[in-house]
Amino acid sequence: MTTTKKAAVILSIIFSFLIGLETGMNHEKPVEISQEKKQLELDHLNEVWDLINDKYFNRKEIENDLAENYAIKGVVSSLNDPYSIYLTRDEFKEFSQSLDSEIHGIGAAVTKQDGFIMIESPLKSSPAIKAGLVAKDKIIAINGESTEGLSVTDAVMKIRGKKGTSVTLTIYREEADEPFDVTIIRDEIKLESVNYKELDDKIAYIAVNQFSDDTLKEFYEAGLDALLADSKGLILDLRFNGGGYLQIAQNLISYFIGPEKVALQVLDANNNSEAKFTNSKPIFKDIPLVILINQGSASASEIVAGTLQDYNKAILVGNQTYGKGTIQQLLEFTNGSSLKLTIAKWLTSNGRDVDKIGLTPDFEISITETDILNNIDSQLEKAKDVIKDQISSI
């Protein structure tokens, strides 16, 4: 994987919809808006800048690069889009250099929404999950320091740290009476893409934790293992899957419905709609399917779950998903800086818009604190019951 592609994946996981760049990973060219292109009125900005250079007492200490970066960050921030992020040369370099080394942290994608640093999707089996963090938790302080005014990049750098060290996050959760502190021991974050096991009663279980370069190959191999085991039904676990490459999600849908079917629709900045089609032969075309989802299922995982629900190929079990229906593209500049920019919106195959709404499960099941204490996965148990009913009715 190239450094740029790895950067896209890691930015997805660190920043959001996995996190990722979560989405839009087909690397489309930026949309061109010819006559309608909007131009910033720079006269006033230049006027202010000239006055600063002329009258500011400490003008000899002015750093042009720093001022330029703040100006660009301000423009991107004015979009009020939590998924559009500008990284300076040094910021992007720091993230890119860390890709070839171990990743230590709490294991959660974060974003910024309504001025708050927010948990988008904790990774499965991560320190964040073990500490009880859930999607849409708002981080109002890191080690006692307020996150007000912090960029996502700054917040991530404060949260990350060496394995074995701790970080204390002050969390605001709507259901809680007041903010509370959560102390998390940082650990190495392992980004496994696919996990497979065979459950009782000939039920296969495949968890897809992210949509990365290796996901299709690993999923195909897991699918063959399930077929060789004569599995009668499949549980596809997309919980805490914050996203990944859009193209990978599109192709994975093929394994259930076959080629030349609409996998999703993409609406660009000019309001043009384009259908994206599947292109692979099915391996699970007729097998009963249940998909596990929760509030940490976002973007690419919502595409898969939503479209297979559209085709009546899957029953959804769990909680309402996150609701991320936009597509980002990573754009790199000659000076080493980069821009993750929202360039489009996606809809499910039949045109459903899940942005800021999410997918509603067919069976709403929540994991309680009692379940956690007793190591019971009530959502998985419900999925087993549903799949058994499907198998018995064939």
Protein backbone atom coordinates (compact mmCIF):
# COMPACT_ATOMS: atom_id res chain seq x y z
CA MET A 1 0.00 0.00 0.00
CA THR A 2 1.41 3.41 -0.86
CA THR A 3 1.99 6.01 1.83
CA THR A 4 -0.83 8.12 0.42
CA LYS A 5 -3.31 5.24 0.50
CA LYS A 6 -2.20 4.31 4.01
CA ALA A 7 -2.61 7.94 4.98
CA ALA A 8 -6.15 7.85 3.66
CA VAL A 9 -6.96 4.78 5.73
CA ILE A 10 -5.38 6.11 8.89
CA LEU A 11 -6.99 9.52 8.50
CA SER A 12 -10.26 7.70 8.20
CA ILE A 13 -9.68 5.81 11.40
CA ILE A 14 -8.23 8.71 13.34
CA PHE A 15 -10.45 11.47 12.04
CA SER A 16 -13.43 9.64 10.85
CA PHE A 17 -15.77 7.47 8.65
CA LEU A 18 -12.55 4.74 9.06
CA ILE A 19 -12.59 6.95 9.53
CA GLY A 20 -12.58 7.06 6.31
CA LEU A 21 -10.59 8.54 3.89
CA GLU A 22 -13.37 6.74 4.79
CA THR A 23 -15.24 7.30 1.89
CA GLY A 24 -14.73 8.39 -1.60
CA MET A 25 -11.81 6.10 -1.74
CA ASN A 26 -12.28 5.71 -5.44
CA HIS A 27 -10.03 8.80 -5.77
CA GLU A 28 -12.29 10.64 -8.20
CA LYS A 29 -11.08 13.95 -9.61
CA PRO A 30 -12.43 16.99 -7.78
CA VAL A 31 -15.68 18.32 -9.15
CA GLU A 32 -15.18 21.30 -11.46
CA ILE A 33 -17.64 24.17 -11.07
CA SER A 34 -16.98 26.46 -14.02
CA GLN A 35 -19.39 29.40 -14.30
CA GLU A 36 -20.81 28.83 -10.83
CA LYS A 37 -17.43 28.78 -9.10
CA LYS A 38 -17.43 31.10 -6.12
CA GLN A 39 -14.46 33.43 -5.58
CA LEU A 40 -13.39 34.81 -2.25
CA GLU A 41 -13.23 38.57 -2.07
CA LEU A 42 -9.58 38.91 -1.06
CA ASP A 43 -9.32 42.71 -1.17
CA HIS A 44 -10.38 43.12 2.45
CA LEU A 45 -8.15 40.25 3.59
CA ASN A 46 -5.18 41.83 1.82
CA GLU A 47 -6.12 45.20 3.31
CA VAL A 48 -6.02 43.73 6.83
CA TRP A 49 -2.77 41.91 6.08
CA ASP A 50 -1.14 45.10 4.75
CA LEU A 51 -2.15 47.01 7.86
CA ILE A 52 -0.69 44.27 10.07
CA ASN A 53 2.60 44.37 8.17
CA ASP A 54 2.63 48.17 8.34
CA LYS A 55 1.49 48.88 11.90
CA TYR A 56 1.83 45.72 14.03
CA PHE A 57 4.41 46.37 16.76
CA ASN A 58 6.00 42.89 16.53
CA ARG A 59 5.80 42.68 12.76
CA LYS A 60 9.34 41.28 12.54
CA GLU A 61 8.03 38.16 14.26
CA ILE A 62 5.25 37.60 11.74
CA GLU A 63 5.38 34.10 10.24
CA ASN A 64 3.84 34.18 6.79
CA ASP A 65 3.44 30.40 6.55
CA LEU A 66 1.67 30.26 9.90
CA ALA A 67 -0.69 33.08 8.93
CA GLU A 68 -1.45 31.39 5.61
CA ASN A 69 -2.22 28.08 7.31
CA TYR A 70 -4.56 29.75 9.78
CA ALA A 71 -6.32 31.53 6.92
CA ILE A 72 -6.83 28.28 5.00
CA LYS A 73 -7.98 26.43 8.12
CA GLY A 74 -10.44 29.24 8.70
CA VAL A 75 -11.87 28.89 5.20
CA VAL A 76 -12.25 25.11 5.60
CA SER A 77 -13.77 25.56 9.06
CA SER A 78 -16.31 28.01 7.63
CA LEU A 79 -17.76 25.12 5.60
CA ASN A 80 -19.18 23.82 8.89
CA ASP A 81 -18.50 20.31 7.62
CA PRO A 82 -16.99 17.95 10.25
CA TYR A 83 -15.43 15.76 7.56
CA SER A 84 -13.55 18.45 5.61
CA ILE A 85 -10.13 18.93 7.19
CA TYR A 86 -6.98 20.80 6.12
CA LEU A 87 -3.60 19.46 7.24
CA THR A 88 -0.48 21.57 7.01
CA ARG A 89 2.70 20.10 5.57
CA ASP A 90 4.05 19.31 9.04
CA GLU A 91 0.77 17.82 10.25
CA PHE A 92 0.40 15.58 7.21
CA LYS A 93 4.07 14.58 7.37
CA GLU A 94 3.74 13.64 11.03
CA PHE A 95 0.74 11.42 10.34
CA SER A 96 2.34 9.86 7.24
CA GLN A 97 5.57 9.06 9.09
CA SER A 98 3.63 7.29 11.82
CA LEU A 99 2.02 4.90 9.35
CA ASP A 100 5.02 2.59 9.13
CA SER A 101 5.24 2.29 12.90
CA GLU A 102 2.95 0.94 15.56
CA ILE A 103 -0.18 2.96 16.24
CA HIS A 104 -0.77 3.61 19.93
CA GLY A 105 -3.88 5.27 21.28
CA ILE A 106 -7.40 4.56 22.46
CA GLY A 107 -8.76 3.11 19.20
CA ALA A 108 -11.54 5.46 18.16
CA ALA A 109 -12.40 7.59 15.17
CA VAL A 110 -13.18 11.16 16.18
CA THR A 111 -14.71 14.07 14.35
CA LYS A 112 -15.84 17.60 15.14
CA GLN A 113 -19.50 18.46 15.09
CA ASP A 114 -21.36 21.52 16.36
CA GLY A 115 -18.08 22.76 17.83
CA PHE A 116 -17.47 19.57 19.85
CA ILE A 117 -14.80 16.89 19.46
CA MET A 118 -16.92 13.76 19.21
CA ILE A 119 -16.42 10.00 19.17
CA GLU A 120 -17.57 8.76 15.78
CA SER A 121 -16.82 5.07 16.09
CA PRO A 122 -14.76 3.21 18.69
CA LEU A 123 -12.87 0.31 17.12
CA LYS A 124 -13.88 -3.21 18.09
CA SER A 125 -12.00 -4.61 21.13
CA SER A 126 -10.18 -1.28 21.54
CA PRO A 127 -9.29 0.48 24.82
CA ALA A 128 -12.08 2.95 23.99
CA ILE A 129 -14.65 0.15 23.87
CA LYS A 130 -13.35 -1.45 27.07
CA ALA A 131 -13.60 1.95 28.80
CA GLY A 132 -17.26 2.23 27.80
CA LEU A 133 -17.05 4.99 25.17
CA VAL A 134 -19.81 4.97 22.56
CA ALA A 135 -20.46 6.78 19.30
CA LYS A 136 -21.55 10.41 19.69
CA ASP A 137 -19.88 10.84 23.07
CA LYS A 138 -18.59 14.41 23.18
CA ILE A 139 -15.06 14.96 24.52
CA ILE A 140 -15.16 18.26 26.40
CA ALA A 141 -11.73 17.97 28.03
CA ILE A 142 -8.51 15.97 27.61
CA ASN A 143 -6.45 15.52 30.77
CA GLY A 144 -8.39 18.37 32.33
CA GLU A 145 -7.81 20.81 29.45
CA SER A 146 -10.89 22.04 27.61
CA THR A 147 -11.26 20.96 23.97
CA GLU A 148 -13.05 24.19 23.11
CA GLY A 149 -11.48 25.62 19.97
CA LEU A 150 -9.34 22.54 19.33
CA SER A 151 -9.13 21.16 15.81
CA VAL A 152 -9.60 17.43 15.24
CA THR A 153 -5.88 17.17 14.50
CA ASP A 154 -4.93 18.85 17.79
CA ALA A 155 -7.35 16.65 19.73
CA VAL A 156 -6.02 13.47 18.15
CA MET A 157 -2.44 14.40 18.95
CA LYS A 158 -3.39 15.00 22.60
CA ILE A 159 -5.28 11.71 22.86
CA ARG A 160 -2.63 9.56 21.19
CA GLY A 161 0.38 8.43 23.19
CA LYS A 162 2.69 5.57 24.06
CA LYS A 163 1.33 2.15 24.93
CA GLY A 164 0.76 1.76 28.66
CA THR A 165 0.29 5.46 29.36
CA SER A 166 -3.08 6.87 30.31
CA VAL A 167 -5.30 9.67 29.09
CA THR A 168 -8.34 11.05 30.89
CA LEU A 169 -11.25 12.23 28.77
CA THR A 170 -14.12 14.26 30.15
CA ILE A 171 -17.23 13.03 28.38
CA TYR A 172 -20.62 14.64 27.83
CA ARG A 173 -23.30 12.08 26.98
CA GLU A 174 -26.89 13.14 26.40
CA GLU A 175 -28.32 10.35 28.56
CA ALA A 176 -26.03 11.16 31.49
CA ASP A 177 -26.99 13.67 34.17
CA GLU A 178 -23.62 15.43 34.04
CA PRO A 179 -20.20 15.13 32.39
CA PHE A 180 -17.94 12.35 33.67
CA ASP A 181 -14.28 11.38 33.42
CA VAL A 182 -13.03 8.24 31.68
CA THR A 183 -9.40 7.23 32.14
CA ILE A 184 -8.10 5.00 29.35
CA ILE A 185 -4.83 3.08 29.14
CA ARG A 186 -3.42 3.52 25.65
CA ASP A 187 -2.51 0.40 23.73
CA GLU A 188 -1.31 -0.72 20.32
CA ILE A 189 -4.17 -0.46 17.86
CA LYS A 190 -4.37 -3.47 15.56
CA LEU A 191 -6.41 -2.86 12.44
CA GLU A 192 -7.66 -6.34 11.53
CA SER A 193 -10.04 -6.18 8.59
CA VAL A 194 -12.01 -9.45 8.69
CA ASN A 195 -12.62 -12.12 11.35
CA TYR A 196 -14.38 -15.44 10.68
CA LYS A 197 -15.62 -18.27 12.88
CA GLU A 198 -18.18 -21.02 12.68
CA LEU A 199 -20.93 -20.91 15.29
CA ASP A 200 -23.22 -23.72 16.39
CA ASP A 201 -26.05 -24.98 14.16
CA LYS A 202 -24.05 -24.42 10.94
CA ILE A 203 -24.10 -20.62 11.28
CA ALA A 204 -21.11 -18.70 9.92
CA TYR A 205 -20.00 -15.47 11.58
CA ILE A 206 -17.92 -12.91 9.67
CA ALA A 207 -16.98 -9.56 11.20
CA VAL A 208 -15.83 -6.81 8.84
CA ASN A 209 -14.12 -4.17 10.96
CA GLN A 210 -13.12 -1.76 8.20
CA PHE A 211 -13.17 -1.54 4.41
CA SER A 212 -9.49 -1.49 3.47
CA ASP A 213 -7.35 -2.81 0.62
CA ASP A 214 -7.27 -6.32 2.10
CA THR A 215 -10.95 -6.60 2.97
CA LEU A 216 -12.28 -8.14 -0.26
CA LYS A 217 -9.59 -10.84 -0.38
CA GLU A 218 -10.00 -11.69 3.30
CA PHE A 219 -13.79 -11.67 3.06
CA TYR A 220 -13.72 -13.92 -0.02
CA GLU A 221 -11.46 -16.41 1.78
CA ALA A 222 -13.74 -16.36 4.83
CA GLY A 223 -16.73 -16.89 2.56
CA LEU A 224 -15.12 -19.95 0.96
CA ASP A 225 -14.35 -21.34 4.42
CA ALA A 226 -18.00 -20.87 5.37
CA LEU A 227 -19.19 -22.64 2.23
CA LEU A 228 -16.73 -25.52 2.76
CA ALA A 229 -18.11 -25.83 6.29
CA ASP A 230 -21.58 -26.19 4.72
CA SER A 231 -22.87 -23.14 6.58
CA LYS A 232 -26.64 -22.75 6.41
CA GLY A 233 -26.73 -19.09 7.36
CA LEU A 234 -24.44 -16.10 7.78
CA ILE A 235 -24.19 -13.37 10.41
CA LEU A 236 -22.28 -10.36 9.06
CA ASP A 237 -21.07 -8.15 11.91
CA LEU A 238 -20.61 -4.48 10.92
CA ARG A 239 -20.77 -3.08 14.45
CA PHE A 240 -18.13 -0.43 15.20
CA ASN A 241 -17.18 -0.39 11.52
CA GLY A 242 -16.63 3.29 10.83
CA GLY A 243 -16.15 2.90 7.08
CA GLY A 244 -13.29 2.71 4.62
CA TYR A 245 -13.00 2.62 0.86
CA LEU A 246 -16.31 3.18 -0.89
CA GLN A 247 -15.21 0.95 -3.79
CA ILE A 248 -14.53 -1.97 -1.44
CA ALA A 249 -18.02 -1.72 0.07
CA GLN A 250 -19.51 -1.54 -3.43
CA ASN A 251 -17.68 -4.70 -4.49
CA LEU A 252 -18.47 -6.58 -1.29
CA ILE A 253 -22.18 -6.13 -2.00
CA SER A 254 -21.56 -8.14 -5.20
CA TYR A 255 -20.88 -11.24 -3.13
CA PHE A 256 -24.53 -11.23 -2.06
CA ILE A 257 -26.47 -10.00 -5.12
CA GLY A 258 -24.16 -10.67 -8.07
CA PRO A 259 -22.92 -8.34 -10.85
CA GLU A 260 -24.58 -5.46 -12.70
CA LYS A 261 -26.87 -4.47 -9.83
CA VAL A 262 -27.06 -0.97 -8.36
CA ALA A 263 -24.92 -0.93 -5.20
CA LEU A 264 -25.43 2.75 -4.38
CA GLN A 265 -26.09 6.14 -5.94
CA VAL A 266 -23.70 9.10 -5.80
CA LEU A 267 -24.90 12.72 -5.91
CA ASP A 268 -22.13 15.18 -6.81
CA ALA A 269 -21.69 18.91 -6.17
CA ASN A 270 -23.58 19.75 -9.37
CA ASN A 271 -26.55 17.64 -8.24
CA ASN A 272 -25.75 14.98 -10.86
CA SER A 273 -26.67 11.45 -9.83
CA GLU A 274 -24.64 8.41 -10.85
CA ALA A 275 -25.46 4.79 -10.10
CA LYS A 276 -22.56 2.58 -8.98
CA PHE A 277 -22.88 -1.06 -10.00
CA THR A 278 -21.67 -4.36 -8.56
CA ASN A 279 -19.17 -6.29 -10.65
CA SER A 280 -18.44 -9.68 -9.06
CA LYS A 281 -20.10 -13.07 -8.96
CA PRO A 282 -22.05 -13.91 -5.80
CA ILE A 283 -20.80 -16.41 -3.23
CA PHE A 284 -23.67 -15.95 -0.74
CA LYS A 285 -26.55 -15.31 -3.13
CA ASP A 286 -29.16 -17.57 -1.52
CA ILE A 287 -27.91 -17.98 2.03
CA PRO A 288 -29.99 -16.47 4.88
CA LEU A 289 -28.24 -13.31 6.08
CA VAL A 290 -28.44 -11.22 9.25
CA ILE A 291 -26.35 -8.06 9.60
CA LEU A 292 -25.39 -6.71 13.02
CA ILE A 293 -25.26 -2.90 13.25
CA ASN A 294 -24.95 -0.29 15.97
CA GLN A 295 -24.31 3.41 16.48
CA GLY A 296 -20.66 2.84 15.53
CA SER A 297 -21.59 1.51 12.07
CA ALA A 298 -20.98 4.33 9.65
CA SER A 299 -20.54 5.26 6.02
CA ALA A 300 -19.27 2.29 3.98
CA SER A 301 -20.79 -0.17 6.45
CA GLU A 302 -24.11 1.68 6.15
CA ILE A 303 -23.87 1.36 2.36
CA VAL A 304 -23.53 -2.42 2.64
CA ALA A 305 -26.23 -2.86 5.27
CA GLY A 306 -28.64 -0.38 3.66
CA THR A 307 -28.39 -1.73 0.12
CA LEU A 308 -28.69 -5.38 1.19
CA GLN A 309 -31.76 -4.33 3.19
CA ASP A 310 -33.09 -2.61 0.04
CA TYR A 311 -32.75 -5.88 -1.90
CA ASN A 312 -34.42 -7.83 0.92
CA LYS A 313 -31.22 -9.86 1.20
CA ALA A 314 -30.56 -9.10 4.85
CA ILE A 315 -32.31 -8.58 8.17
CA LEU A 316 -30.70 -5.90 10.34
CA VAL A 317 -30.29 -6.48 14.07
CA GLY A 318 -28.91 -4.05 16.66
CA ASN A 319 -29.11 -0.27 17.04
CA GLN A 320 -29.64 2.74 14.76
CA THR A 321 -26.47 3.41 12.78
CA TYR A 322 -24.42 6.60 12.90
CA GLY A 323 -25.73 8.29 9.75
CA LYS A 324 -22.80 9.39 7.60
CA GLY A 325 -23.89 9.76 4.00
CA THR A 326 -21.14 11.90 2.51
CA ILE A 327 -18.03 11.09 0.47
CA GLN A 328 -14.60 12.58 1.02
CA GLN A 329 -11.49 12.79 -1.16
CA LEU A 330 -7.91 13.29 -0.04
CA LEU A 331 -6.23 16.03 -2.09
CA GLU A 332 -2.48 16.65 -1.79
CA PHE A 333 -0.71 19.90 -2.67
CA THR A 334 2.80 20.49 -3.97
CA ASN A 335 3.88 22.11 -0.68
CA GLY A 336 3.14 18.88 1.22
CA SER A 337 -0.16 19.95 2.77
CA SER A 338 -3.42 18.07 2.18
CA LEU A 339 -7.15 18.61 2.22
CA LYS A 340 -9.77 16.01 3.05
CA LEU A 341 -12.84 17.45 1.35
CA THR A 342 -16.45 16.36 1.12
CA ILE A 343 -17.15 16.05 -2.62
CA ALA A 344 -20.42 14.09 -2.83
CA LYS A 345 -23.29 12.38 -1.06
CA TRP A 346 -24.20 8.71 -1.37
CA LEU A 347 -27.64 7.09 -1.27
CA THR A 348 -28.54 3.42 -0.94
CA SER A 349 -29.50 1.46 -4.06
CA ASN A 350 -33.15 2.57 -3.91
CA GLY A 351 -32.28 6.19 -3.12
CA ARG A 352 -32.45 6.29 0.67
CA ASP A 353 -30.52 9.17 2.25
CA VAL A 354 -29.18 8.09 5.66
CA ASP A 355 -27.03 11.17 6.35
CA LYS A 356 -27.59 12.37 9.94
CA ILE A 357 -30.37 9.77 10.19
CA GLY A 358 -28.82 6.32 10.03
CA LEU A 359 -30.33 2.93 9.28
CA THR A 360 -33.13 1.53 11.42
CA PRO A 361 -32.67 -2.15 12.34
CA ASP A 362 -35.46 -4.62 11.72
CA PHE A 363 -34.92 -5.81 15.30
CA GLU A 364 -33.85 -3.12 17.79
CA ILE A 365 -31.68 -4.73 20.48
CA SER A 366 -29.38 -2.89 22.89
CA ILE A 367 -26.54 -4.36 24.91
CA THR A 368 -27.11 -3.48 28.56
CA GLU A 369 -24.60 -2.93 31.34
CA THR A 370 -25.74 -6.26 32.80
CA ASP A 371 -24.93 -7.93 29.49
CA ILE A 372 -21.44 -6.43 29.56
CA LEU A 373 -20.81 -7.53 33.15
CA ASN A 374 -21.91 -11.07 32.29
CA ASN A 375 -20.05 -11.12 28.95
CA ILE A 376 -23.30 -11.60 27.02
CA ASP A 377 -23.71 -10.33 23.45
CA SER A 378 -27.49 -9.98 23.35
CA GLN A 379 -27.39 -8.59 19.80
CA LEU A 380 -25.49 -11.63 18.52
CA GLU A 381 -27.85 -13.95 20.39
CA LYS A 382 -30.84 -12.26 18.73
CA ALA A 383 -29.11 -12.56 15.35
CA LYS A 384 -28.71 -16.30 15.94
CA ASP A 385 -32.43 -16.64 16.73
CA VAL A 386 -33.40 -14.70 13.60
CA ILE A 387 -31.10 -16.71 11.34
CA LYS A 388 -32.37 -20.01 12.78
CA ASP A 389 -35.93 -18.93 11.98
CA GLN A 390 -34.84 -18.12 8.41
CA ILE A 391 -33.09 -21.48 8.01
CA SER A 392 -36.06 -23.43 9.34
CA SER A 393 -38.45 -21.65 6.95
CA ILE A 394 -36.46 -22.56 3.81
